[in-house]
Protein backbone atom coordinates (compact mmCIF):
# COMPACT_ATOMS: atom_id res chain seq x y z
CA UNK A 1 185.66 27.85 107.38
CA UNK A 2 183.87 30.79 108.98
CA UNK A 3 182.34 29.04 111.99
CA UNK A 4 179.49 26.85 113.19
CA UNK A 5 176.79 28.98 111.50
CA UNK A 6 178.17 28.36 108.01
CA UNK A 7 175.45 27.00 105.71
CA UNK A 8 175.85 23.83 103.68
CA UNK A 9 174.56 25.64 100.56
CA UNK A 10 177.17 27.44 98.46
CA UNK A 11 175.90 30.70 96.98
CA UNK A 12 177.05 33.68 94.95
CA UNK A 13 176.74 36.84 97.04
CA UNK A 14 175.47 40.07 95.45
CA UNK A 15 175.63 43.14 97.67
CA UNK A 16 174.65 46.78 97.21
CA UNK A 17 174.16 49.74 99.50
CA UNK A 18 170.69 51.05 98.66
CA UNK A 19 167.38 49.37 97.73
CA UNK A 20 167.36 51.09 94.32
CA UNK A 21 170.57 49.25 93.47
CA UNK A 22 168.98 45.80 93.82
CA UNK A 23 165.67 46.44 92.06
CA UNK A 24 166.66 44.45 88.97
CA UNK A 25 167.68 41.52 91.17
CA UNK A 26 164.26 41.53 92.80
CA UNK A 27 162.70 41.28 89.33
CA UNK A 28 164.88 38.42 88.07
CA UNK A 29 165.82 36.21 91.04
CA UNK A 30 163.41 33.28 91.41
CA UNK A 31 162.42 31.18 94.44
CA UNK A 32 163.02 34.17 96.71
CA UNK A 33 163.10 33.76 100.47
CA UNK A 34 163.58 36.79 102.72
CA UNK A 35 165.73 36.68 105.85
CA UNK A 36 165.75 39.61 108.29
CA UNK A 37 168.67 40.07 110.63
CA UNK A 38 168.56 42.67 113.38
CA UNK A 39 167.12 46.13 112.86
CA UNK A 40 168.80 46.89 109.54
CA UNK A 41 169.71 43.93 107.38
CA UNK A 42 167.50 41.99 104.98
CA UNK A 43 168.96 39.21 102.84
CA UNK A 44 167.18 37.40 100.03
CA UNK A 45 168.13 33.92 98.86
CA UNK A 46 167.00 32.41 95.56
CA UNK A 47 168.15 31.46 92.09
CA UNK A 48 169.54 33.52 89.22
CA UNK A 49 170.39 31.78 85.95
CA UNK A 50 169.83 28.51 87.78
CA UNK A 51 172.51 29.35 90.35
CA UNK A 52 172.04 29.76 94.10
CA UNK A 53 172.44 33.42 95.15
CA UNK A 54 172.02 35.65 98.17
CA UNK A 55 171.58 39.40 97.75
CA UNK A 56 170.80 42.45 99.83
CA UNK A 57 171.19 46.18 100.37
CA UNK A 58 173.58 46.84 103.24
CA UNK A 59 172.76 50.56 103.66
CA UNK A 60 175.33 53.30 103.15
CA UNK A 61 178.89 53.16 104.47
CA UNK A 62 181.82 50.85 105.12
CA UNK A 63 180.62 49.59 108.50
CA UNK A 64 177.21 48.39 107.31
CA UNK A 65 178.70 46.96 104.11
CA UNK A 66 181.44 45.08 105.98
CA UNK A 67 178.94 43.65 108.46
CA UNK A 68 176.54 42.64 105.70
CA UNK A 69 179.15 40.79 103.66
CA UNK A 70 180.43 39.02 106.77
CA UNK A 71 176.89 37.74 107.37
CA UNK A 72 176.62 36.67 103.74
CA UNK A 73 179.80 34.64 104.10
CA UNK A 74 179.20 33.15 107.52
CA UNK A 75 175.46 32.52 107.47
CA UNK A 76 174.39 32.29 103.83
CA UNK A 77 177.33 30.44 102.32
CA UNK A 78 178.53 33.12 99.88
CA UNK A 79 181.67 31.76 98.23
CA UNK A 80 182.15 34.70 95.85
CA UNK A 81 180.90 38.29 96.06
CA UNK A 82 180.10 41.10 93.65
CA UNK A 83 179.30 44.59 94.90
CA UNK A 84 177.04 46.52 92.57
CA UNK A 85 175.94 50.14 92.79
CA UNK A 86 176.58 53.74 91.87
CA UNK A 87 179.59 56.01 92.36
CA UNK A 88 180.82 59.52 91.67
CA UNK A 89 183.11 59.96 88.71
CA UNK A 90 186.51 61.57 89.19
CA UNK A 91 187.62 62.11 85.59
CA UNK A 92 186.68 65.02 83.29
CA UNK A 93 185.80 62.87 80.26
CA UNK A 94 183.24 60.66 82.01
CA UNK A 95 179.46 60.79 81.60
CA UNK A 96 176.56 59.72 83.77
CA UNK A 97 175.78 56.04 83.30
CA UNK A 98 179.33 54.99 82.43
CA UNK A 99 180.47 51.79 84.14
CA UNK A 100 183.66 51.23 86.12
CA UNK A 101 184.68 47.63 86.65
CA UNK A 102 186.93 47.65 89.67
CA UNK A 103 190.35 46.26 88.90
CA UNK A 104 191.12 47.10 92.51
CA UNK A 105 189.77 49.25 95.33
CA UNK A 106 191.39 51.36 98.06
CA UNK A 107 190.14 53.03 101.25
CA UNK A 108 191.13 56.70 100.99
CA UNK A 109 190.07 57.30 104.62
CA UNK A 110 192.75 54.93 105.89
CA UNK A 111 195.58 57.34 106.67
CA UNK A 112 198.42 56.08 108.88
CA UNK A 113 201.06 58.07 107.05
CA UNK A 114 202.10 59.80 110.28
CA UNK A 115 202.71 56.48 112.01
CA UNK A 116 206.05 54.66 111.96
CA UNK A 117 207.16 51.27 113.19
CA UNK A 118 209.61 51.54 116.11
CA UNK A 119 211.46 48.51 114.76
CA UNK A 120 211.60 49.95 111.24
CA UNK A 121 211.31 53.76 111.36
CA UNK A 122 212.48 54.12 107.77
CA UNK A 123 209.36 52.35 106.45
CA UNK A 124 206.79 54.91 105.29
CA UNK A 125 203.15 53.89 105.24
CA UNK A 126 201.19 55.08 102.22
CA UNK A 127 197.73 56.60 102.06
CA UNK A 128 195.21 53.75 102.08
CA UNK A 129 197.63 51.24 103.60
CA UNK A 130 196.62 49.17 106.61
CA UNK A 131 199.47 49.09 109.15
CA UNK A 132 201.18 45.87 110.21
CA UNK A 133 199.61 43.68 107.50
CA UNK A 134 200.51 46.18 104.74
CA UNK A 135 197.32 45.76 102.70
CA UNK A 136 196.52 48.73 100.51
CA UNK A 137 194.94 47.90 97.14
CA UNK A 138 192.37 45.10 97.12
CA UNK A 139 192.51 43.46 93.70
CA UNK A 140 189.53 41.94 91.95
CA UNK A 141 189.51 38.20 91.48
CA UNK A 142 190.99 37.49 88.05
CA UNK A 143 188.19 35.16 86.91
CA UNK A 144 185.43 37.52 88.04
CA UNK A 145 187.20 40.43 86.34
CA UNK A 146 187.47 38.49 83.07
CA UNK A 147 183.78 37.58 83.20
CA UNK A 148 182.75 41.16 83.94
CA UNK A 149 184.73 42.48 80.98
CA UNK A 150 183.17 39.85 78.69
CA UNK A 151 179.59 40.66 79.72
CA UNK A 152 177.09 42.29 77.35
CA UNK A 153 177.02 46.04 77.93
CA UNK A 154 174.16 48.52 77.58
CA UNK A 155 174.16 50.44 74.29
CA UNK A 156 175.84 53.84 74.49
CA UNK A 157 177.50 53.16 77.83
CA UNK A 158 181.28 53.36 78.16
CA UNK A 159 182.85 50.60 80.24
CA UNK A 160 186.34 50.83 81.70
CA UNK A 161 188.30 48.90 84.28
CA UNK A 162 190.34 50.70 86.90
CA UNK A 163 190.76 51.71 90.51
CA UNK A 164 187.84 52.57 92.77
CA UNK A 165 188.30 54.71 95.89
CA UNK A 166 186.18 54.28 99.03
CA UNK A 167 185.59 56.73 101.86
CA UNK A 168 182.96 58.06 104.23
CA UNK A 169 182.20 61.35 102.47
CA UNK A 170 179.54 62.15 99.89
CA UNK A 171 181.72 64.18 97.58
CA UNK A 172 180.36 67.11 95.64
CA UNK A 173 182.19 68.34 92.56
CA UNK A 174 184.19 70.92 94.51
CA UNK A 175 185.41 68.33 97.02
CA UNK A 176 186.42 65.91 94.28
CA UNK A 177 188.49 68.60 92.59
CA UNK A 178 190.02 69.85 95.84
CA UNK A 179 191.20 66.34 96.74
CA UNK A 180 193.07 65.73 93.50
CA UNK A 181 196.60 66.54 94.61
CA UNK A 182 196.33 65.32 98.21
CA UNK A 183 194.28 62.14 97.71
CA UNK A 184 193.65 61.01 94.14
CA UNK A 185 197.19 61.47 92.87
CA UNK A 186 198.83 59.57 95.78
CA UNK A 187 196.30 56.78 95.21
CA UNK A 188 197.19 56.41 91.55
CA UNK A 189 194.29 58.35 90.02
CA UNK A 190 191.17 56.27 90.80
CA UNK A 191 188.30 56.51 88.33
CA UNK A 192 185.47 56.95 90.81
CA UNK A 193 184.67 57.28 94.50
CA UNK A 194 181.99 55.67 96.63
CA UNK A 195 181.34 54.65 100.25
CA UNK A 196 181.38 50.84 100.63
CA UNK A 197 183.66 48.83 98.35
CA UNK A 198 186.92 48.82 100.29
CA UNK A 199 185.20 47.51 103.43
CA UNK A 200 183.67 44.61 101.53
CA UNK A 201 186.88 43.89 99.63
CA UNK A 202 188.89 43.86 102.86
CA UNK A 203 186.56 41.32 104.48
CA UNK A 204 186.62 39.14 101.38
CA UNK A 205 190.41 39.22 101.33
CA UNK A 206 190.53 38.37 105.02
CA UNK A 207 188.47 35.24 104.33
CA UNK A 208 190.04 34.48 100.94
CA UNK A 209 186.74 34.91 99.08
CA UNK A 210 186.76 36.03 95.40
CA UNK A 211 185.41 39.55 94.99
CA UNK A 212 184.75 42.21 92.38
CA UNK A 213 183.34 45.76 92.41
CA UNK A 214 180.97 47.16 89.77
CA UNK A 215 179.99 50.82 89.75
CA UNK A 216 177.85 52.96 87.45
CA UNK A 217 178.43 56.70 87.55
CA UNK A 218 175.52 58.66 89.01
CA UNK A 219 177.38 61.97 89.28
CA UNK A 220 180.53 63.53 87.89
CA UNK A 221 183.51 65.69 88.78
CA UNK A 222 181.58 68.70 87.51
CA UNK A 223 178.00 69.82 87.97
CA UNK A 224 175.66 69.33 90.93
CA UNK A 225 176.55 65.94 92.42
CA UNK A 226 173.58 65.84 94.80
CA UNK A 227 171.01 66.69 92.13
CA UNK A 228 172.56 64.26 89.65
CA UNK A 229 172.71 61.47 92.22
CA UNK A 230 169.06 61.86 93.14
CA UNK A 231 167.98 62.06 89.51
CA UNK A 232 170.03 59.20 88.07
CA UNK A 233 170.83 56.72 90.88
CA UNK A 234 168.09 54.19 90.17
CA UNK A 235 168.43 54.40 86.38
CA UNK A 236 172.18 53.91 86.12
CA UNK A 237 172.23 51.20 88.80
CA UNK A 238 170.16 49.13 86.37
CA UNK A 239 172.98 49.34 83.82
CA UNK A 240 174.97 46.92 85.96
CA UNK A 241 172.46 44.07 86.06
CA UNK A 242 173.52 42.47 82.72
CA UNK A 243 177.09 42.27 84.04
CA UNK A 244 175.99 40.76 87.34
CA UNK A 245 173.80 38.25 85.52
CA UNK A 246 176.62 37.28 83.14
CA UNK A 247 179.05 36.74 86.02
CA UNK A 248 176.61 34.59 87.99
CA UNK A 249 175.68 32.55 84.93
CA UNK A 250 179.25 31.70 83.97
CA UNK A 251 181.02 31.52 87.35
CA UNK A 252 181.39 28.16 89.08
CA UNK A 253 180.90 28.81 92.78
CA UNK A 254 183.23 26.62 94.88
CA UNK A 255 181.49 23.94 96.92
């Protein structure tokens, strides 16, 4: 129970960062009602595949995304959450439009490796690990992951499951390559990097809410990341809608 504001309606929460990443939802969700909160957040409730949903674009970054999902849980009754949007690829064999289904997600900005517990100085914190509670990799809910992998996929698009890395940097190709030894290797070679997922996953874990991350690649580990992002963001974000729709249609949201 999240508090007195919790709604009596159970919904599936669908969150993204940018308006372009929820355009397909706006086209397909019926009975839409818009709810503005503060200066930044807009949430939309309605029905998708006959199921109650709430969706919105949090804006860029972990702080906005974490706040938005907390509001979804506490005020709009989200009992499961999918994050959908674009990311930058980290592997040389990827192509723009490919889809990464997040088996787990990690915050590469969380670096307490220089800290040690006075009661256990031999314990070494790892990159991405939260101190004291020892959370590091936030795993996708098994049922949501199974549904995502069973969803119909766009023709010509490669779909893989794997690790997603979150941080607060828009990474160009040079930065992605420079971070390989110091960041990507210690984190177990994530497939892509973005700027929201770990914050949302951490909140969902804190409240024991099922969660999964879906990302379509808008830029790669080579080339001009900024130009590719601007050119392909809206197009490749649409690749994820069939997966989101399949998950919502077949997932039984807890009461």
